[in-house]
Amino acid sequence: MNKRGLFITFEGPDGSGKSTIISMVYEKLNQQHFPFKILLTREPGGKNNIVAEDIRNLLLNKTEYNINYRTEALLFAASRAQHVHDFIKPHLLNGDLVLCDRYVHSSLVYQGYARGIGFKNIWDINTFAIDNVLPDLVIVLMINPQQGINRIKGDLLRDNNRLDREEMDLHNKVYEGYRQLIDNNRNGTIVQVEASKKIDEVFDDVFQNIIKKINKHYVIK
């Protein structure tokens, strides 16, 4: 079995069902009795991480802070650096499987493309922050921006944050940004999944891709 663990991240525009699907995947994987631990975390912030969570609260606070776009990008990277150091990297070194709701690709899209800072600038910031910890598989749930926003508005249980309330123009740019990442997927780590389908169909597509990656990575027979 591969000594290093497996790092799988989930991405997508707002309202794509990403958080719901990753929770379903986590529950299903834990029923499979694999010989390694399965961990679930999310960004910004991180599992039981006080520093990263405090930065998250600042970033997503409902109070209308006038946060400069560069400041926003640096705060996301700072939260990520702490998350990687305290949680993600130690578990990967232990051979565990880590599922993460958003990671560096979110910064590339939201701050790099949608905010206009540029992919390269955001990549440079995060290269320093993540300490060479890149995902082995990136699941991108793609959905039409308007359909995604309609889902958010129809979810009475969802606690909308500052980014959810951005103008529609930003959400359109986020979709375009993810499309560019998918189209330039040179190393093959990004897998696009159509998220407008029924949730069970979306889950099946995602789960099959993950099982294939697990079997290949851990060489499970």
C-alpha atoms as a PDB file:
ATOM      1  CA  MET A   1       0.000   0.000   0.000  1.00  0.00           C
ATOM      2  CA  ASN A   2       1.204   3.503  -0.859  1.00  0.00           C
ATOM      3  CA  LYS A   3       2.827   5.114   2.209  1.00  0.00           C
ATOM      4  CA  ARG A   4       1.657   8.640   1.460  1.00  0.00           C
ATOM      5  CA  GLY A   5      -2.034   9.279   1.903  1.00  0.00           C
ATOM      6  CA  LEU A   6      -4.489  10.490  -0.705  1.00  0.00           C
ATOM      7  CA  PHE A   7      -5.687  14.086  -0.903  1.00  0.00           C
ATOM      8  CA  ILE A   8      -9.006  14.731  -2.680  1.00  0.00           C
ATOM      9  CA  THR A   9     -10.560  18.186  -2.919  1.00  0.00           C
ATOM     10  CA  PHE A  10     -14.058  19.251  -3.925  1.00  0.00           C
ATOM     11  CA  GLU A  11     -14.646  22.433  -5.897  1.00  0.00           C
ATOM     12  CA  GLY A  12     -17.435  24.202  -7.716  1.00  0.00           C
ATOM     13  CA  PRO A  13     -19.514  27.370  -8.016  1.00  0.00           C
ATOM     14  CA  ASP A  14     -21.837  28.337  -5.181  1.00  0.00           C
ATOM     15  CA  GLY A  15     -24.961  26.179  -5.114  1.00  0.00           C
ATOM     16  CA  SER A  16     -23.346  23.227  -6.887  1.00  0.00           C
ATOM     17  CA  GLY A  17     -24.114  20.875  -3.980  1.00  0.00           C
ATOM     18  CA  LYS A  18     -20.435  20.402  -3.204  1.00  0.00           C
ATOM     19  CA  SER A  19     -20.759  20.300   0.583  1.00  0.00           C
ATOM     20  CA  THR A  20     -23.688  17.872   0.419  1.00  0.00           C
ATOM     21  CA  ILE A  21     -21.849  15.514  -1.939  1.00  0.00           C
ATOM     22  CA  ILE A  22     -18.598  15.502   0.056  1.00  0.00           C
ATOM     23  CA  SER A  23     -20.541  14.573   3.199  1.00  0.00           C
ATOM     24  CA  MET A  24     -22.233  11.715   1.348  1.00  0.00           C
ATOM     25  CA  VAL A  25     -18.877  10.500   0.022  1.00  0.00           C
ATOM     26  CA  TYR A  26     -17.349  10.631   3.489  1.00  0.00           C
ATOM     27  CA  GLU A  27     -20.166   8.545   4.969  1.00  0.00           C
ATOM     28  CA  LYS A  28     -20.034   5.994   2.144  1.00  0.00           C
ATOM     29  CA  LEU A  29     -16.250   5.607   2.283  1.00  0.00           C
ATOM     30  CA  ASN A  30     -16.384   4.981   6.003  1.00  0.00           C
ATOM     31  CA  GLN A  31     -18.661   2.021   5.324  1.00  0.00           C
ATOM     32  CA  GLN A  32     -16.051   0.338   3.102  1.00  0.00           C
ATOM     33  CA  HIS A  33     -13.629  -0.726   5.895  1.00  0.00           C
ATOM     34  CA  PHE A  34     -10.489   0.496   4.145  1.00  0.00           C
ATOM     35  CA  PRO A  35      -7.130  -0.074   5.905  1.00  0.00           C
ATOM     36  CA  PHE A  36      -6.590   3.671   6.344  1.00  0.00           C
ATOM     37  CA  LYS A  37      -8.325   6.568   8.049  1.00  0.00           C
ATOM     38  CA  ILE A  38     -10.720   8.842   6.160  1.00  0.00           C
ATOM     39  CA  LEU A  39     -10.826  12.484   7.255  1.00  0.00           C
ATOM     40  CA  LEU A  40     -13.213  15.257   6.270  1.00  0.00           C
ATOM     41  CA  THR A  41     -12.328  18.948   6.449  1.00  0.00           C
ATOM     42  CA  ARG A  42     -13.115  22.224   4.699  1.00  0.00           C
ATOM     43  CA  GLU A  43     -11.812  25.650   3.800  1.00  0.00           C
ATOM     44  CA  PRO A  44     -11.420  28.389   4.683  1.00  0.00           C
ATOM     45  CA  GLY A  45     -10.638  27.191   8.182  1.00  0.00           C
ATOM     46  CA  GLY A  46     -10.115  23.557   9.004  1.00  0.00           C
ATOM     47  CA  LYS A  47     -10.994  20.769  11.349  1.00  0.00           C
ATOM     48  CA  ASN A  48     -10.455  21.830  14.983  1.00  0.00           C
ATOM     49  CA  ASN A  49      -8.041  24.562  13.910  1.00  0.00           C
ATOM     50  CA  ILE A  50      -8.476  27.718  15.989  1.00  0.00           C
ATOM     51  CA  VAL A  51      -6.170  29.987  13.953  1.00  0.00           C
ATOM     52  CA  ALA A  52      -7.575  28.981  10.553  1.00  0.00           C
ATOM     53  CA  GLU A  53     -11.149  29.170  11.874  1.00  0.00           C
ATOM     54  CA  ASP A  54     -10.635  32.676  13.237  1.00  0.00           C
ATOM     55  CA  ILE A  55      -9.468  33.775   9.782  1.00  0.00           C
ATOM     56  CA  ARG A  56     -12.521  32.052   8.276  1.00  0.00           C
ATOM     57  CA  ASN A  57     -14.834  34.028  10.554  1.00  0.00           C
ATOM     58  CA  LEU A  58     -13.232  37.251   9.385  1.00  0.00           C
ATOM     59  CA  LEU A  59     -13.514  36.311   5.710  1.00  0.00           C
ATOM     60  CA  LEU A  60     -17.115  35.093   5.766  1.00  0.00           C
ATOM     61  CA  ASN A  61     -18.515  37.430   8.416  1.00  0.00           C
ATOM     62  CA  LYS A  62     -21.956  38.791   7.586  1.00  0.00           C
ATOM     63  CA  THR A  63     -20.806  42.242   8.698  1.00  0.00           C
ATOM     64  CA  GLU A  64     -19.992  44.170   5.544  1.00  0.00           C
ATOM     65  CA  TYR A  65     -16.241  44.554   5.953  1.00  0.00           C
ATOM     66  CA  ASN A  66     -14.619  46.475   3.142  1.00  0.00           C
ATOM     67  CA  ILE A  67     -11.891  43.884   2.587  1.00  0.00           C
ATOM     68  CA  ASN A  68      -9.394  44.734  -0.133  1.00  0.00           C
ATOM     69  CA  TYR A  69      -9.161  41.955  -2.740  1.00  0.00           C
ATOM     70  CA  ARG A  70      -5.446  41.449  -2.130  1.00  0.00           C
ATOM     71  CA  THR A  71      -6.077  41.283   1.603  1.00  0.00           C
ATOM     72  CA  GLU A  72      -8.798  38.720   0.966  1.00  0.00           C
ATOM     73  CA  ALA A  73      -6.442  36.593  -1.124  1.00  0.00           C
ATOM     74  CA  LEU A  74      -3.722  36.733   1.535  1.00  0.00           C
ATOM     75  CA  LEU A  75      -6.171  35.832   4.311  1.00  0.00           C
ATOM     76  CA  PHE A  76      -7.352  32.758   2.397  1.00  0.00           C
ATOM     77  CA  ALA A  77      -3.727  31.727   1.853  1.00  0.00           C
ATOM     78  CA  ALA A  78      -2.872  32.319   5.520  1.00  0.00           C
ATOM     79  CA  SER A  79      -5.787  30.175   6.686  1.00  0.00           C
ATOM     80  CA  ARG A  80      -4.752  27.494   4.205  1.00  0.00           C
ATOM     81  CA  ALA A  81      -1.127  27.513   5.381  1.00  0.00           C
ATOM     82  CA  GLN A  82      -2.219  26.827   8.966  1.00  0.00           C
ATOM     83  CA  HIS A  83      -4.670  24.164   7.827  1.00  0.00           C
ATOM     84  CA  VAL A  84      -2.015  22.366   5.791  1.00  0.00           C
ATOM     85  CA  HIS A  85       0.565  22.516   8.580  1.00  0.00           C
ATOM     86  CA  ASP A  86      -1.717  21.393  11.409  1.00  0.00           C
ATOM     87  CA  PHE A  87      -4.074  18.953   9.724  1.00  0.00           C
ATOM     88  CA  ILE A  88      -3.716  18.047   6.054  1.00  0.00           C
ATOM     89  CA  LYS A  89       0.007  17.316   5.795  1.00  0.00           C
ATOM     90  CA  PRO A  90       0.287  15.273   9.035  1.00  0.00           C
ATOM     91  CA  HIS A  91      -2.581  13.029   7.979  1.00  0.00           C
ATOM     92  CA  LEU A  92      -1.175  12.535   4.487  1.00  0.00           C
ATOM     93  CA  LEU A  93       2.185  11.586   5.973  1.00  0.00           C
ATOM     94  CA  ASN A  94       0.304   9.064   8.104  1.00  0.00           C
ATOM     95  CA  GLY A  95      -1.167   7.456   4.987  1.00  0.00           C
ATOM     96  CA  ASP A  96      -4.707   8.722   5.549  1.00  0.00           C
ATOM     97  CA  LEU A  97      -7.269   9.813   2.952  1.00  0.00           C
ATOM     98  CA  VAL A  98      -8.197  13.480   3.353  1.00  0.00           C
ATOM     99  CA  LEU A  99     -11.353  14.913   1.773  1.00  0.00           C
ATOM    100  CA  CYS A 100     -11.402  18.710   1.669  1.00  0.00           C
ATOM    101  CA  ASP A 101     -14.318  20.997   0.792  1.00  0.00           C
ATOM    102  CA  ARG A 102     -12.490  23.673  -1.262  1.00  0.00           C
ATOM    103  CA  TYR A 103      -8.750  24.237  -1.496  1.00  0.00           C
ATOM    104  CA  VAL A 104      -6.291  26.178  -3.635  1.00  0.00           C
ATOM    105  CA  HIS A 105      -8.399  25.984  -6.823  1.00  0.00           C
ATOM    106  CA  SER A 106     -11.077  28.066  -5.096  1.00  0.00           C
ATOM    107  CA  SER A 107      -8.560  30.857  -4.567  1.00  0.00           C
ATOM    108  CA  LEU A 108      -7.402  30.637  -8.173  1.00  0.00           C
ATOM    109  CA  VAL A 109     -10.990  31.034  -9.356  1.00  0.00           C
ATOM    110  CA  TYR A 110     -12.515  33.443  -6.837  1.00  0.00           C
ATOM    111  CA  GLN A 111      -9.568  35.737  -6.167  1.00  0.00           C
ATOM    112  CA  GLY A 112      -7.427  35.038  -9.233  1.00  0.00           C
ATOM    113  CA  TYR A 113     -10.064  35.124 -11.970  1.00  0.00           C
ATOM    114  CA  ALA A 114     -13.276  36.595 -10.553  1.00  0.00           C
ATOM    115  CA  ARG A 115     -11.540  39.313  -8.513  1.00  0.00           C
ATOM    116  CA  GLY A 116      -9.099  40.006 -11.347  1.00  0.00           C
ATOM    117  CA  ILE A 117      -5.889  39.478  -9.370  1.00  0.00           C
ATOM    118  CA  GLY A 118      -4.670  36.890 -11.857  1.00  0.00           C
ATOM    119  CA  PHE A 119      -4.078  33.147 -11.725  1.00  0.00           C
ATOM    120  CA  LYS A 120      -0.297  33.546 -11.480  1.00  0.00           C
ATOM    121  CA  ASN A 121      -0.379  35.968  -8.550  1.00  0.00           C
ATOM    122  CA  ILE A 122      -2.716  33.727  -6.569  1.00  0.00           C
ATOM    123  CA  TRP A 123      -0.692  30.659  -7.488  1.00  0.00           C
ATOM    124  CA  ASP A 124       2.510  32.319  -6.265  1.00  0.00           C
ATOM    125  CA  ILE A 125       0.923  33.228  -2.924  1.00  0.00           C
ATOM    126  CA  ASN A 126      -0.436  29.733  -2.419  1.00  0.00           C
ATOM    127  CA  THR A 127       2.691  27.911  -3.563  1.00  0.00           C
ATOM    128  CA  PHE A 128       4.352  29.340  -0.469  1.00  0.00           C
ATOM    129  CA  ALA A 129       1.305  28.638   1.726  1.00  0.00           C
ATOM    130  CA  ILE A 130       0.641  24.984   0.867  1.00  0.00           C
ATOM    131  CA  ASP A 131       4.204  23.689   1.215  1.00  0.00           C
ATOM    132  CA  ASN A 132       3.962  21.486  -1.914  1.00  0.00           C
ATOM    133  CA  VAL A 133       0.763  19.817  -0.700  1.00  0.00           C
ATOM    134  CA  LEU A 134      -1.329  19.532  -3.864  1.00  0.00           C
ATOM    135  CA  PRO A 135      -4.473  17.440  -4.312  1.00  0.00           C
ATOM    136  CA  ASP A 136      -4.205  14.074  -6.063  1.00  0.00           C
ATOM    137  CA  LEU A 137      -7.754  14.462  -7.370  1.00  0.00           C
ATOM    138  CA  VAL A 138      -9.913  17.556  -7.763  1.00  0.00           C
ATOM    139  CA  ILE A 139     -13.645  16.972  -8.184  1.00  0.00           C
ATOM    140  CA  VAL A 140     -15.281  20.035  -9.751  1.00  0.00           C
ATOM    141  CA  LEU A 141     -19.067  20.113  -9.602  1.00  0.00           C
ATOM    142  CA  MET A 142     -20.206  22.393 -12.414  1.00  0.00           C
ATOM    143  CA  ILE A 143     -23.592  24.081 -12.529  1.00  0.00           C
ATOM    144  CA  ASN A 144     -25.080  27.048 -14.352  1.00  0.00           C
ATOM    145  CA  PRO A 145     -24.517  30.117 -12.103  1.00  0.00           C
ATOM    146  CA  GLN A 146     -28.181  31.151 -12.042  1.00  0.00           C
ATOM    147  CA  GLN A 147     -29.293  27.617 -11.207  1.00  0.00           C
ATOM    148  CA  GLY A 148     -26.765  27.533  -8.384  1.00  0.00           C
ATOM    149  CA  ILE A 149     -27.980  30.830  -6.934  1.00  0.00           C
ATOM    150  CA  ASN A 150     -31.584  29.653  -7.181  1.00  0.00           C
ATOM    151  CA  ARG A 151     -30.617  26.600  -5.146  1.00  0.00           C
ATOM    152  CA  ILE A 152     -29.041  28.796  -2.476  1.00  0.00           C
ATOM    153  CA  LYS A 153     -32.120  31.018  -2.275  1.00  0.00           C
ATOM    154  CA  GLY A 154     -34.342  27.950  -1.973  1.00  0.00           C
ATOM    155  CA  ASP A 155     -32.300  26.396   0.838  1.00  0.00           C
ATOM    156  CA  LEU A 156     -33.861  27.808   4.002  1.00  0.00           C
ATOM    157  CA  LEU A 157     -31.375  25.915   6.198  1.00  0.00           C
ATOM    158  CA  ARG A 158     -28.273  27.368   4.560  1.00  0.00           C
ATOM    159  CA  ASP A 159     -26.493  30.166   6.428  1.00  0.00           C
ATOM    160  CA  ASN A 160     -25.574  32.514   3.597  1.00  0.00           C
ATOM    161  CA  ASN A 161     -22.198  34.170   4.006  1.00  0.00           C
ATOM    162  CA  ARG A 162     -20.636  37.316   2.565  1.00  0.00           C
ATOM    163  CA  LEU A 163     -19.534  35.577  -0.641  1.00  0.00           C
ATOM    164  CA  ASP A 164     -22.979  34.055  -1.254  1.00  0.00           C
ATOM    165  CA  ARG A 165     -24.425  37.570  -1.398  1.00  0.00           C
ATOM    166  CA  GLU A 166     -22.064  38.835  -4.087  1.00  0.00           C
ATOM    167  CA  GLU A 167     -23.452  40.230  -7.335  1.00  0.00           C
ATOM    168  CA  MET A 168     -24.432  37.840 -10.127  1.00  0.00           C
ATOM    169  CA  ASP A 169     -21.508  39.086 -12.209  1.00  0.00           C
ATOM    170  CA  LEU A 170     -19.083  37.547  -9.718  1.00  0.00           C
ATOM    171  CA  HIS A 171     -20.853  34.176  -9.841  1.00  0.00           C
ATOM    172  CA  ASN A 172     -20.679  34.206 -13.658  1.00  0.00           C
ATOM    173  CA  LYS A 173     -16.951  34.916 -13.487  1.00  0.00           C
ATOM    174  CA  VAL A 174     -16.480  32.094 -10.969  1.00  0.00           C
ATOM    175  CA  TYR A 175     -18.110  29.694 -13.422  1.00  0.00           C
ATOM    176  CA  GLU A 176     -15.864  30.960 -16.220  1.00  0.00           C
ATOM    177  CA  GLY A 177     -12.813  30.606 -13.985  1.00  0.00           C
ATOM    178  CA  TYR A 178     -13.557  26.971 -13.212  1.00  0.00           C
ATOM    179  CA  ARG A 179     -14.149  26.368 -16.908  1.00  0.00           C
ATOM    180  CA  GLN A 180     -10.667  27.703 -17.674  1.00  0.00           C
ATOM    181  CA  LEU A 181      -9.070  25.448 -15.051  1.00  0.00           C
ATOM    182  CA  ILE A 182     -10.890  22.427 -16.460  1.00  0.00           C
ATOM    183  CA  ASP A 183      -9.901  23.278 -20.034  1.00  0.00           C
ATOM    184  CA  ASN A 184      -6.247  23.647 -18.986  1.00  0.00           C
ATOM    185  CA  ASN A 185      -6.117  20.472 -16.918  1.00  0.00           C
ATOM    186  CA  ARG A 186      -2.714  19.353 -18.143  1.00  0.00           C
ATOM    187  CA  ASN A 187      -1.873  16.881 -15.360  1.00  0.00           C
ATOM    188  CA  GLY A 188      -5.279  15.208 -15.389  1.00  0.00           C
ATOM    189  CA  THR A 189      -6.043  15.714 -11.698  1.00  0.00           C
ATOM    190  CA  ILE A 190      -9.258  17.673 -12.331  1.00  0.00           C
ATOM    191  CA  VAL A 191     -12.463  15.740 -12.979  1.00  0.00           C
ATOM    192  CA  GLN A 192     -15.598  17.628 -13.980  1.00  0.00           C
ATOM    193  CA  VAL A 193     -18.978  16.348 -12.795  1.00  0.00           C
ATOM    194  CA  GLU A 194     -22.285  17.760 -14.028  1.00  0.00           C
ATOM    195  CA  ALA A 195     -24.023  18.988 -10.874  1.00  0.00           C
ATOM    196  CA  SER A 196     -27.417  19.910 -12.320  1.00  0.00           C
ATOM    197  CA  LYS A 197     -28.502  16.250 -12.304  1.00  0.00           C
ATOM    198  CA  LYS A 198     -30.354  14.528  -9.474  1.00  0.00           C
ATOM    199  CA  ILE A 199     -28.263  14.302  -6.328  1.00  0.00           C
ATOM    200  CA  ASP A 200     -28.024  10.490  -6.447  1.00  0.00           C
ATOM    201  CA  GLU A 201     -26.689  10.648  -9.997  1.00  0.00           C
ATOM    202  CA  VAL A 202     -24.142  13.299  -9.054  1.00  0.00           C
ATOM    203  CA  PHE A 203     -23.055  11.237  -6.065  1.00  0.00           C
ATOM    204  CA  ASP A 204     -22.633   8.093  -8.182  1.00  0.00           C
ATOM    205  CA  ASP A 205     -20.450   9.936 -10.711  1.00  0.00           C
ATOM    206  CA  VAL A 206     -18.276  11.404  -7.966  1.00  0.00           C
ATOM    207  CA  PHE A 207     -17.992   8.195  -5.966  1.00  0.00           C
ATOM    208  CA  GLN A 208     -16.937   6.093  -8.954  1.00  0.00           C
ATOM    209  CA  ASN A 209     -14.134   8.532  -9.772  1.00  0.00           C
ATOM    210  CA  ILE A 210     -12.942   8.455  -6.177  1.00  0.00           C
ATOM    211  CA  ILE A 211     -12.997   4.658  -5.912  1.00  0.00           C
ATOM    212  CA  LYS A 212     -10.903   4.411  -9.075  1.00  0.00           C
ATOM    213  CA  LYS A 213      -8.379   6.823  -7.614  1.00  0.00           C
ATOM    214  CA  ILE A 214      -8.266   4.980  -4.297  1.00  0.00           C
ATOM    215  CA  ASN A 215      -7.696   1.607  -5.935  1.00  0.00           C
ATOM    216  CA  LYS A 216      -4.911   3.013  -8.088  1.00  0.00           C
ATOM    217  CA  HIS A 217      -3.222   5.054  -5.354  1.00  0.00           C
ATOM    218  CA  TYR A 218      -3.260   2.500  -2.582  1.00  0.00           C
ATOM    219  CA  VAL A 219      -2.898  -0.429  -4.985  1.00  0.00           C
ATOM    220  CA  ILE A 220      -5.839  -2.216  -3.380  1.00  0.00           C
ATOM    221  CA  LYS A 221      -6.590  -5.615  -4.926  1.00  0.00           C
END
